[in-house]
């Protein structure tokens, strides 16, 4: 369960809603670190932002299955002190899932202070060509699945 995710190559991250499991209410968000272990910010755990297409969340129950987004960092928010229009290689990322009531929620591995403890129970399966599938399983038995591209499971020395 859980799983560390990092940007594989400098560029955008692809995100596709692969399945909503029949769930009628949920949201999925993709967050990323704006300050890695080399950063000198006094509270690195608070240094994160969310990537989305038009507005958060990334995906919700109204998003059609098969929707694919090309994600870039939020403009005006530096990553490791540098303004970036693409994610730098090795940027830590994480996905969170919630049902809106915080009665059913989970996340991939992360080390950020999100204001709520998300259990790291999302199943992450790493694939070929810098891809991963994230499976959020709800208490009601639904499986919300998200596919990512340009990701890997280790930072590769970054």
N, C-alpha and C. Protein backbone atom coordinates (compact mmCIF):
# COMPACT_ATOMS: atom_id res chain seq x y z
N UNK A 1 0.85 -1.18 0.00
CA UNK A 1 0.00 0.00 0.00
C UNK A 1 0.89 1.24 0.00
N UNK A 2 0.29 2.34 -0.36
CA UNK A 2 1.06 3.57 -0.46
C UNK A 2 2.06 3.45 -1.59
N UNK A 3 2.98 4.33 -1.64
CA UNK A 3 4.01 4.28 -2.66
C UNK A 3 4.54 5.66 -2.95
N UNK A 4 5.86 5.79 -2.93
CA UNK A 4 6.49 7.06 -3.26
C UNK A 4 6.38 7.30 -4.76
N UNK A 5 6.07 8.52 -5.13
CA UNK A 5 5.99 8.91 -6.53
C UNK A 5 6.85 10.15 -6.75
N UNK A 6 7.59 10.14 -7.85
CA UNK A 6 8.45 11.25 -8.22
C UNK A 6 8.30 11.51 -9.71
N UNK A 7 8.55 12.73 -10.14
CA UNK A 7 8.55 13.06 -11.56
C UNK A 7 9.74 12.36 -12.20
N UNK A 8 9.50 11.63 -13.30
CA UNK A 8 10.55 10.85 -13.96
C UNK A 8 11.50 11.73 -14.77
N UNK A 9 10.96 12.58 -15.60
CA UNK A 9 11.75 13.47 -16.46
C UNK A 9 11.15 14.86 -16.40
N UNK A 10 11.99 15.89 -16.51
CA UNK A 10 11.45 17.25 -16.49
C UNK A 10 10.36 17.37 -17.53
N UNK A 11 9.20 17.87 -17.12
CA UNK A 11 8.09 18.02 -18.04
C UNK A 11 6.76 18.01 -17.31
N UNK A 12 5.72 17.78 -18.07
CA UNK A 12 4.37 17.72 -17.51
C UNK A 12 4.08 16.32 -17.01
N UNK A 13 3.08 16.21 -16.14
CA UNK A 13 2.60 14.92 -15.66
C UNK A 13 1.26 14.66 -16.34
N UNK A 14 1.09 13.47 -16.87
CA UNK A 14 -0.19 13.08 -17.44
C UNK A 14 -1.02 12.37 -16.39
N UNK A 15 -2.31 12.70 -16.30
CA UNK A 15 -3.21 12.06 -15.34
C UNK A 15 -4.50 11.69 -16.06
N UNK A 16 -4.93 10.44 -15.92
CA UNK A 16 -6.14 9.94 -16.56
C UNK A 16 -7.02 9.27 -15.51
N UNK A 17 -8.30 9.64 -15.49
CA UNK A 17 -9.26 8.93 -14.63
C UNK A 17 -9.62 7.63 -15.34
N UNK A 18 -9.17 6.51 -14.78
CA UNK A 18 -9.37 5.21 -15.38
C UNK A 18 -10.67 4.54 -14.94
N UNK A 19 -11.16 4.90 -13.77
CA UNK A 19 -12.39 4.31 -13.28
C UNK A 19 -12.89 5.03 -12.05
N UNK A 20 -14.22 5.11 -11.93
CA UNK A 20 -14.79 5.76 -10.75
C UNK A 20 -15.50 4.77 -9.84
N UNK A 21 -15.52 3.52 -10.22
CA UNK A 21 -16.08 2.47 -9.38
C UNK A 21 -17.54 2.66 -9.02
N UNK A 22 -18.23 3.52 -9.76
CA UNK A 22 -19.63 3.79 -9.47
C UNK A 22 -19.84 4.74 -8.31
N UNK A 23 -18.76 5.31 -7.79
CA UNK A 23 -18.87 6.23 -6.67
C UNK A 23 -19.59 7.51 -7.11
N UNK A 24 -20.49 7.99 -6.27
CA UNK A 24 -21.26 9.19 -6.62
C UNK A 24 -20.69 10.47 -6.05
N UNK A 25 -19.71 10.35 -5.15
CA UNK A 25 -19.08 11.55 -4.62
C UNK A 25 -17.65 11.24 -4.19
N UNK A 26 -16.69 11.92 -4.80
CA UNK A 26 -15.29 11.78 -4.42
C UNK A 26 -14.50 12.92 -5.06
N UNK A 27 -13.29 13.11 -4.54
CA UNK A 27 -12.35 13.98 -5.24
C UNK A 27 -10.95 13.41 -5.09
N UNK A 28 -10.17 13.61 -6.13
CA UNK A 28 -8.78 13.18 -6.17
C UNK A 28 -7.95 14.42 -6.48
N UNK A 29 -6.88 14.60 -5.71
CA UNK A 29 -5.99 15.73 -5.94
C UNK A 29 -4.56 15.23 -6.08
N UNK A 30 -3.77 15.94 -6.90
CA UNK A 30 -2.36 15.64 -7.07
C UNK A 30 -1.57 16.80 -6.48
N UNK A 31 -0.80 16.50 -5.45
CA UNK A 31 0.04 17.50 -4.82
C UNK A 31 1.50 17.25 -5.15
N UNK A 32 2.30 18.27 -4.98
CA UNK A 32 3.73 18.13 -5.23
C UNK A 32 4.51 19.00 -4.25
N UNK A 33 5.72 18.55 -3.97
CA UNK A 33 6.59 19.27 -3.06
C UNK A 33 7.17 20.49 -3.76
N UNK A 34 7.20 21.61 -3.07
CA UNK A 34 7.84 22.79 -3.62
C UNK A 34 9.21 23.01 -2.97
N UNK A 35 9.60 22.07 -2.10
CA UNK A 35 10.85 22.22 -1.37
C UNK A 35 11.38 20.82 -1.04
N UNK A 36 12.46 20.40 -1.72
CA UNK A 36 12.99 19.07 -1.46
C UNK A 36 13.96 19.08 -0.27
N UNK A 37 14.67 17.98 -0.08
CA UNK A 37 15.55 17.85 1.09
C UNK A 37 16.71 18.84 1.08
N UNK A 38 17.01 19.42 -0.08
CA UNK A 38 18.09 20.42 -0.16
C UNK A 38 17.59 21.83 0.12
N UNK A 39 16.31 21.98 0.31
CA UNK A 39 15.71 23.29 0.52
C UNK A 39 16.00 23.76 1.95
N UNK A 40 16.12 25.05 2.11
CA UNK A 40 16.43 25.60 3.43
C UNK A 40 15.22 26.21 4.12
N UNK A 41 14.02 25.91 3.64
CA UNK A 41 12.81 26.42 4.29
C UNK A 41 12.72 25.84 5.70
N UNK A 42 12.32 26.63 6.67
CA UNK A 42 12.28 26.13 8.05
C UNK A 42 11.25 25.02 8.26
N UNK A 43 10.20 24.97 7.47
CA UNK A 43 9.18 23.93 7.63
C UNK A 43 8.89 23.30 6.28
N UNK A 44 9.79 22.42 5.84
CA UNK A 44 9.64 21.77 4.52
C UNK A 44 8.32 21.02 4.39
N UNK A 45 7.79 20.52 5.52
CA UNK A 45 6.55 19.75 5.45
C UNK A 45 5.37 20.61 5.00
N UNK A 46 5.49 21.93 5.12
CA UNK A 46 4.42 22.83 4.70
C UNK A 46 4.60 23.31 3.26
N UNK A 47 5.67 22.91 2.59
CA UNK A 47 5.99 23.41 1.26
C UNK A 47 5.45 22.48 0.18
N UNK A 48 4.19 22.69 -0.19
CA UNK A 48 3.58 21.89 -1.26
C UNK A 48 2.52 22.73 -1.95
N UNK A 49 2.13 22.26 -3.14
CA UNK A 49 1.06 22.88 -3.91
C UNK A 49 0.30 21.77 -4.61
N UNK A 50 -0.83 22.11 -5.18
CA UNK A 50 -1.62 21.13 -5.92
C UNK A 50 -1.64 21.48 -7.40
N UNK A 51 -1.57 20.46 -8.24
CA UNK A 51 -1.64 20.63 -9.69
C UNK A 51 -3.05 20.28 -10.13
N UNK A 52 -3.59 21.05 -11.05
CA UNK A 52 -4.92 20.80 -11.57
C UNK A 52 -5.04 21.46 -12.93
N UNK A 53 -6.12 21.15 -13.66
CA UNK A 53 -6.26 21.72 -14.99
C UNK A 53 -6.88 23.10 -14.91
N UNK A 54 -8.13 23.21 -14.53
CA UNK A 54 -8.80 24.50 -14.45
C UNK A 54 -8.95 24.95 -13.01
N UNK A 55 -9.41 24.07 -12.15
CA UNK A 55 -9.57 24.36 -10.73
C UNK A 55 -9.60 23.04 -9.98
N UNK A 56 -9.29 23.05 -8.69
CA UNK A 56 -9.31 21.79 -7.94
C UNK A 56 -10.75 21.29 -7.78
N UNK A 57 -10.95 20.03 -7.54
CA UNK A 57 -9.95 18.97 -7.49
C UNK A 57 -9.53 18.53 -8.88
N UNK A 58 -8.56 17.65 -8.94
CA UNK A 58 -8.09 17.11 -10.21
C UNK A 58 -9.22 16.33 -10.89
N UNK A 59 -9.78 15.36 -10.16
CA UNK A 59 -10.91 14.56 -10.65
C UNK A 59 -11.97 14.50 -9.56
N UNK A 60 -13.24 14.41 -9.98
CA UNK A 60 -14.32 14.19 -9.03
C UNK A 60 -15.38 13.32 -9.70
N UNK A 61 -16.48 13.08 -8.99
CA UNK A 61 -17.52 12.18 -9.50
C UNK A 61 -18.13 12.68 -10.81
N UNK A 62 -18.04 13.97 -11.10
CA UNK A 62 -18.56 14.52 -12.34
C UNK A 62 -17.60 14.40 -13.51
N UNK A 63 -16.38 13.92 -13.27
CA UNK A 63 -15.39 13.78 -14.33
C UNK A 63 -15.64 12.49 -15.10
N UNK A 64 -15.79 12.57 -16.42
CA UNK A 64 -16.00 11.34 -17.19
C UNK A 64 -14.77 10.43 -17.14
N UNK A 65 -15.00 9.13 -17.00
CA UNK A 65 -13.92 8.16 -17.06
C UNK A 65 -13.24 8.31 -18.42
N UNK A 66 -11.93 8.28 -18.42
CA UNK A 66 -11.16 8.46 -19.65
C UNK A 66 -10.61 9.87 -19.82
N UNK A 67 -11.05 10.80 -18.97
CA UNK A 67 -10.55 12.17 -19.04
C UNK A 67 -9.05 12.17 -18.74
N UNK A 68 -8.28 12.80 -19.62
CA UNK A 68 -6.83 12.90 -19.46
C UNK A 68 -6.44 14.36 -19.38
N UNK A 69 -5.57 14.67 -18.43
CA UNK A 69 -5.08 16.02 -18.23
C UNK A 69 -3.57 16.04 -18.30
N UNK A 70 -3.01 17.12 -18.84
CA UNK A 70 -1.57 17.37 -18.80
C UNK A 70 -1.35 18.41 -17.72
N UNK A 71 -0.64 18.04 -16.66
CA UNK A 71 -0.50 18.89 -15.49
C UNK A 71 0.85 19.56 -15.44
N UNK A 72 0.85 20.82 -15.07
CA UNK A 72 2.08 21.57 -14.86
C UNK A 72 2.00 22.23 -13.50
N UNK A 73 3.13 22.70 -13.00
CA UNK A 73 3.10 23.37 -11.69
C UNK A 73 2.25 24.64 -11.75
N UNK A 74 1.71 25.01 -10.59
CA UNK A 74 0.95 26.26 -10.51
C UNK A 74 1.88 27.43 -10.81
N UNK A 75 1.41 28.37 -11.62
CA UNK A 75 2.23 29.53 -11.92
C UNK A 75 2.35 30.40 -10.66
N UNK A 76 3.50 31.02 -10.52
CA UNK A 76 3.73 31.91 -9.39
C UNK A 76 4.20 31.22 -8.12
N UNK A 77 4.27 29.88 -8.12
CA UNK A 77 4.74 29.14 -6.95
C UNK A 77 6.06 28.47 -7.31
N UNK A 78 7.17 28.89 -6.74
CA UNK A 78 8.47 28.30 -7.09
C UNK A 78 8.63 26.88 -6.57
N UNK A 79 9.43 26.11 -7.28
CA UNK A 79 9.82 24.77 -6.83
C UNK A 79 11.31 24.85 -6.53
N UNK A 80 11.67 24.57 -5.29
CA UNK A 80 13.06 24.67 -4.83
C UNK A 80 13.66 26.03 -5.16
N UNK A 81 12.85 27.08 -5.01
CA UNK A 81 13.33 28.43 -5.21
C UNK A 81 13.36 28.91 -6.65
N UNK A 82 12.96 28.06 -7.59
CA UNK A 82 12.98 28.42 -9.02
C UNK A 82 11.58 28.39 -9.60
N UNK A 83 11.24 29.39 -10.39
CA UNK A 83 9.96 29.36 -11.10
C UNK A 83 10.07 28.32 -12.21
N UNK A 84 9.05 27.50 -12.35
CA UNK A 84 9.11 26.42 -13.34
C UNK A 84 7.75 26.28 -14.03
N UNK A 85 7.79 26.09 -15.34
CA UNK A 85 6.56 25.83 -16.09
C UNK A 85 6.39 24.34 -16.32
N UNK A 86 7.40 23.56 -15.95
CA UNK A 86 7.36 22.10 -16.03
C UNK A 86 7.93 21.56 -14.73
N UNK A 87 7.53 20.35 -14.38
CA UNK A 87 8.04 19.75 -13.14
C UNK A 87 9.49 19.33 -13.31
N UNK A 88 10.36 19.71 -12.38
CA UNK A 88 11.74 19.24 -12.44
C UNK A 88 11.81 17.74 -12.16
N UNK A 89 12.78 17.08 -12.77
CA UNK A 89 13.02 15.65 -12.52
C UNK A 89 13.21 15.43 -11.02
N UNK A 90 12.57 14.40 -10.50
CA UNK A 90 12.72 14.05 -9.09
C UNK A 90 11.79 14.76 -8.13
N UNK A 91 10.91 15.64 -8.63
CA UNK A 91 9.97 16.32 -7.75
C UNK A 91 9.05 15.29 -7.09
N UNK A 92 8.97 15.25 -5.76
CA UNK A 92 8.05 14.33 -5.09
C UNK A 92 6.60 14.77 -5.34
N UNK A 93 5.74 13.80 -5.66
CA UNK A 93 4.32 14.07 -5.85
C UNK A 93 3.52 13.09 -5.01
N UNK A 94 2.24 13.41 -4.78
CA UNK A 94 1.37 12.51 -4.04
C UNK A 94 -0.07 12.73 -4.51
N UNK A 95 -0.88 11.69 -4.41
CA UNK A 95 -2.31 11.78 -4.71
C UNK A 95 -3.08 11.56 -3.44
N UNK A 96 -4.16 12.33 -3.29
CA UNK A 96 -5.07 12.14 -2.16
C UNK A 96 -6.47 11.86 -2.71
N UNK A 97 -7.21 11.09 -1.96
CA UNK A 97 -8.60 10.75 -2.29
C UNK A 97 -9.45 11.05 -1.07
N UNK A 98 -10.62 11.62 -1.29
CA UNK A 98 -11.58 11.83 -0.21
C UNK A 98 -12.99 11.73 -0.73
N UNK A 99 -13.89 11.36 0.17
CA UNK A 99 -15.30 11.27 -0.21
C UNK A 99 -16.07 12.53 0.15
N UNK A 100 -15.36 13.57 0.60
CA UNK A 100 -16.00 14.83 0.95
C UNK A 100 -16.45 14.91 2.39
N UNK A 101 -16.63 13.78 3.01
CA UNK A 101 -17.06 13.72 4.40
C UNK A 101 -15.91 13.34 5.32
N UNK A 102 -14.75 13.04 4.76
CA UNK A 102 -13.60 12.52 5.48
C UNK A 102 -13.95 11.25 6.26
N UNK A 103 -14.92 10.51 5.75
CA UNK A 103 -15.20 9.21 6.35
C UNK A 103 -14.50 8.11 5.56
N UNK A 104 -14.08 8.42 4.35
CA UNK A 104 -13.38 7.46 3.50
C UNK A 104 -12.34 8.25 2.72
N UNK A 105 -11.07 8.05 3.02
CA UNK A 105 -10.02 8.82 2.38
C UNK A 105 -8.72 8.04 2.43
N UNK A 106 -7.81 8.36 1.53
CA UNK A 106 -6.50 7.73 1.53
C UNK A 106 -5.55 8.54 0.65
N UNK A 107 -4.29 8.12 0.64
CA UNK A 107 -3.28 8.82 -0.13
C UNK A 107 -2.16 7.86 -0.49
N UNK A 108 -1.37 8.27 -1.48
CA UNK A 108 -0.10 7.61 -1.72
C UNK A 108 0.85 8.15 -0.65
N UNK A 109 2.05 7.66 -0.59
CA UNK A 109 3.01 8.13 0.42
C UNK A 109 3.29 9.61 0.23
N UNK A 110 3.45 10.32 1.32
CA UNK A 110 3.75 11.75 1.29
C UNK A 110 4.34 12.14 2.64
N UNK A 111 4.92 13.31 2.69
CA UNK A 111 5.49 13.78 3.96
C UNK A 111 5.13 15.24 4.16
N UNK A 112 3.91 15.59 3.83
CA UNK A 112 3.48 16.98 3.93
C UNK A 112 2.40 17.12 4.99
N UNK A 113 2.32 18.30 5.57
CA UNK A 113 1.33 18.60 6.59
C UNK A 113 0.06 19.09 5.90
N UNK A 114 -0.85 18.18 5.62
CA UNK A 114 -2.05 18.49 4.86
C UNK A 114 -3.22 18.96 5.73
N UNK A 115 -3.01 19.10 7.01
CA UNK A 115 -4.07 19.55 7.89
C UNK A 115 -5.03 18.44 8.28
N UNK A 116 -4.83 17.26 7.74
CA UNK A 116 -5.64 16.09 8.04
C UNK A 116 -4.77 14.88 7.77
N UNK A 117 -4.84 13.87 8.60
CA UNK A 117 -4.03 12.68 8.39
C UNK A 117 -4.72 11.77 7.37
N UNK A 118 -4.06 11.58 6.25
CA UNK A 118 -4.56 10.66 5.22
C UNK A 118 -3.82 9.33 5.37
N UNK A 119 -4.53 8.24 5.60
CA UNK A 119 -3.82 6.96 5.66
C UNK A 119 -3.23 6.64 4.28
N UNK A 120 -2.01 6.13 4.29
CA UNK A 120 -1.33 5.81 3.03
C UNK A 120 -1.77 4.44 2.55
N UNK A 121 -3.04 4.34 2.15
CA UNK A 121 -3.63 3.06 1.78
C UNK A 121 -3.91 2.93 0.29
N UNK A 122 -3.57 3.93 -0.51
CA UNK A 122 -3.76 3.81 -1.95
C UNK A 122 -2.79 2.75 -2.47
N UNK A 123 -3.26 1.92 -3.37
CA UNK A 123 -2.41 0.91 -3.98
C UNK A 123 -1.75 1.52 -5.21
N UNK A 124 -0.42 1.56 -5.23
CA UNK A 124 0.32 2.11 -6.35
C UNK A 124 1.00 0.97 -7.08
N UNK A 125 0.73 0.86 -8.38
CA UNK A 125 1.36 -0.14 -9.23
C UNK A 125 2.18 0.60 -10.28
N UNK A 126 3.49 0.38 -10.26
CA UNK A 126 4.37 1.05 -11.20
C UNK A 126 4.41 0.25 -12.50
N UNK A 127 4.38 0.98 -13.63
CA UNK A 127 4.39 0.33 -14.92
C UNK A 127 5.60 0.70 -15.74
N UNK A 128 5.63 0.19 -16.97
CA UNK A 128 6.71 0.50 -17.90
C UNK A 128 6.57 1.93 -18.39
N UNK A 129 7.65 2.45 -18.94
CA UNK A 129 7.66 3.77 -19.56
C UNK A 129 7.22 4.89 -18.61
N UNK A 130 7.67 4.83 -17.38
CA UNK A 130 7.41 5.90 -16.39
C UNK A 130 5.92 6.13 -16.15
N UNK A 131 5.20 5.05 -15.90
CA UNK A 131 3.77 5.14 -15.62
C UNK A 131 3.46 4.48 -14.27
N UNK A 132 2.31 4.82 -13.74
CA UNK A 132 1.82 4.20 -12.51
C UNK A 132 0.30 4.24 -12.53
N UNK A 133 -0.31 3.27 -11.87
CA UNK A 133 -1.75 3.25 -11.65
C UNK A 133 -1.99 3.30 -10.16
N UNK A 134 -2.84 4.22 -9.76
CA UNK A 134 -3.17 4.39 -8.35
C UNK A 134 -4.62 3.95 -8.17
N UNK A 135 -4.84 3.06 -7.22
CA UNK A 135 -6.16 2.50 -6.96
C UNK A 135 -6.58 2.89 -5.55
N UNK A 136 -7.63 3.70 -5.46
CA UNK A 136 -8.22 4.07 -4.18
C UNK A 136 -9.44 3.19 -3.98
N UNK A 137 -9.47 2.43 -2.91
CA UNK A 137 -10.60 1.53 -2.63
C UNK A 137 -11.42 2.11 -1.49
N UNK A 138 -12.72 2.23 -1.72
CA UNK A 138 -13.58 2.82 -0.70
C UNK A 138 -14.16 1.74 0.20
N UNK A 139 -14.65 2.16 1.35
CA UNK A 139 -15.28 1.23 2.29
C UNK A 139 -16.51 0.58 1.68
N UNK A 140 -17.16 1.27 0.74
CA UNK A 140 -18.34 0.73 0.08
C UNK A 140 -17.99 -0.22 -1.07
N UNK A 141 -16.69 -0.41 -1.32
CA UNK A 141 -16.27 -1.36 -2.35
C UNK A 141 -15.96 -0.75 -3.71
N UNK A 142 -16.07 0.55 -3.84
CA UNK A 142 -15.75 1.19 -5.12
C UNK A 142 -14.24 1.29 -5.29
N UNK A 143 -13.79 1.26 -6.53
CA UNK A 143 -12.39 1.44 -6.86
C UNK A 143 -12.27 2.66 -7.76
N UNK A 144 -11.62 3.68 -7.27
CA UNK A 144 -11.35 4.86 -8.09
C UNK A 144 -9.91 4.70 -8.55
N UNK A 145 -9.70 4.67 -9.89
CA UNK A 145 -8.38 4.40 -10.43
C UNK A 145 -7.91 5.59 -11.27
N UNK A 146 -6.64 5.95 -11.05
CA UNK A 146 -6.02 7.05 -11.78
C UNK A 146 -4.71 6.55 -12.37
N UNK A 147 -4.50 6.84 -13.65
CA UNK A 147 -3.24 6.52 -14.30
C UNK A 147 -2.38 7.77 -14.40
N UNK A 148 -1.10 7.62 -14.16
CA UNK A 148 -0.16 8.74 -14.26
C UNK A 148 0.94 8.39 -15.25
N UNK A 149 1.41 9.39 -15.97
CA UNK A 149 2.59 9.22 -16.81
C UNK A 149 3.64 10.24 -16.40
N UNK A 150 4.88 9.95 -16.73
CA UNK A 150 6.05 10.73 -16.34
C UNK A 150 6.26 10.70 -14.84
N UNK A 151 6.10 9.50 -14.26
CA UNK A 151 6.35 9.29 -12.83
C UNK A 151 7.17 8.02 -12.65
N UNK A 152 7.82 7.93 -11.49
CA UNK A 152 8.53 6.73 -11.13
C UNK A 152 8.48 6.57 -9.61
N UNK A 153 8.95 5.43 -9.15
CA UNK A 153 8.84 5.12 -7.74
C UNK A 153 10.01 5.51 -6.89
N UNK A 154 11.08 6.01 -7.46
CA UNK A 154 12.19 6.48 -6.63
C UNK A 154 12.76 7.74 -7.26
N UNK A 155 13.40 8.54 -6.44
CA UNK A 155 13.86 9.84 -6.94
C UNK A 155 15.10 9.72 -7.81
N UNK A 156 15.75 8.59 -7.83
CA UNK A 156 16.89 8.40 -8.71
C UNK A 156 18.07 9.30 -8.38
N UNK A 157 18.23 9.61 -7.12
CA UNK A 157 19.38 10.39 -6.70
C UNK A 157 19.22 11.89 -6.84
N UNK A 158 18.02 12.36 -7.05
CA UNK A 158 17.80 13.79 -7.18
C UNK A 158 17.72 14.44 -5.83
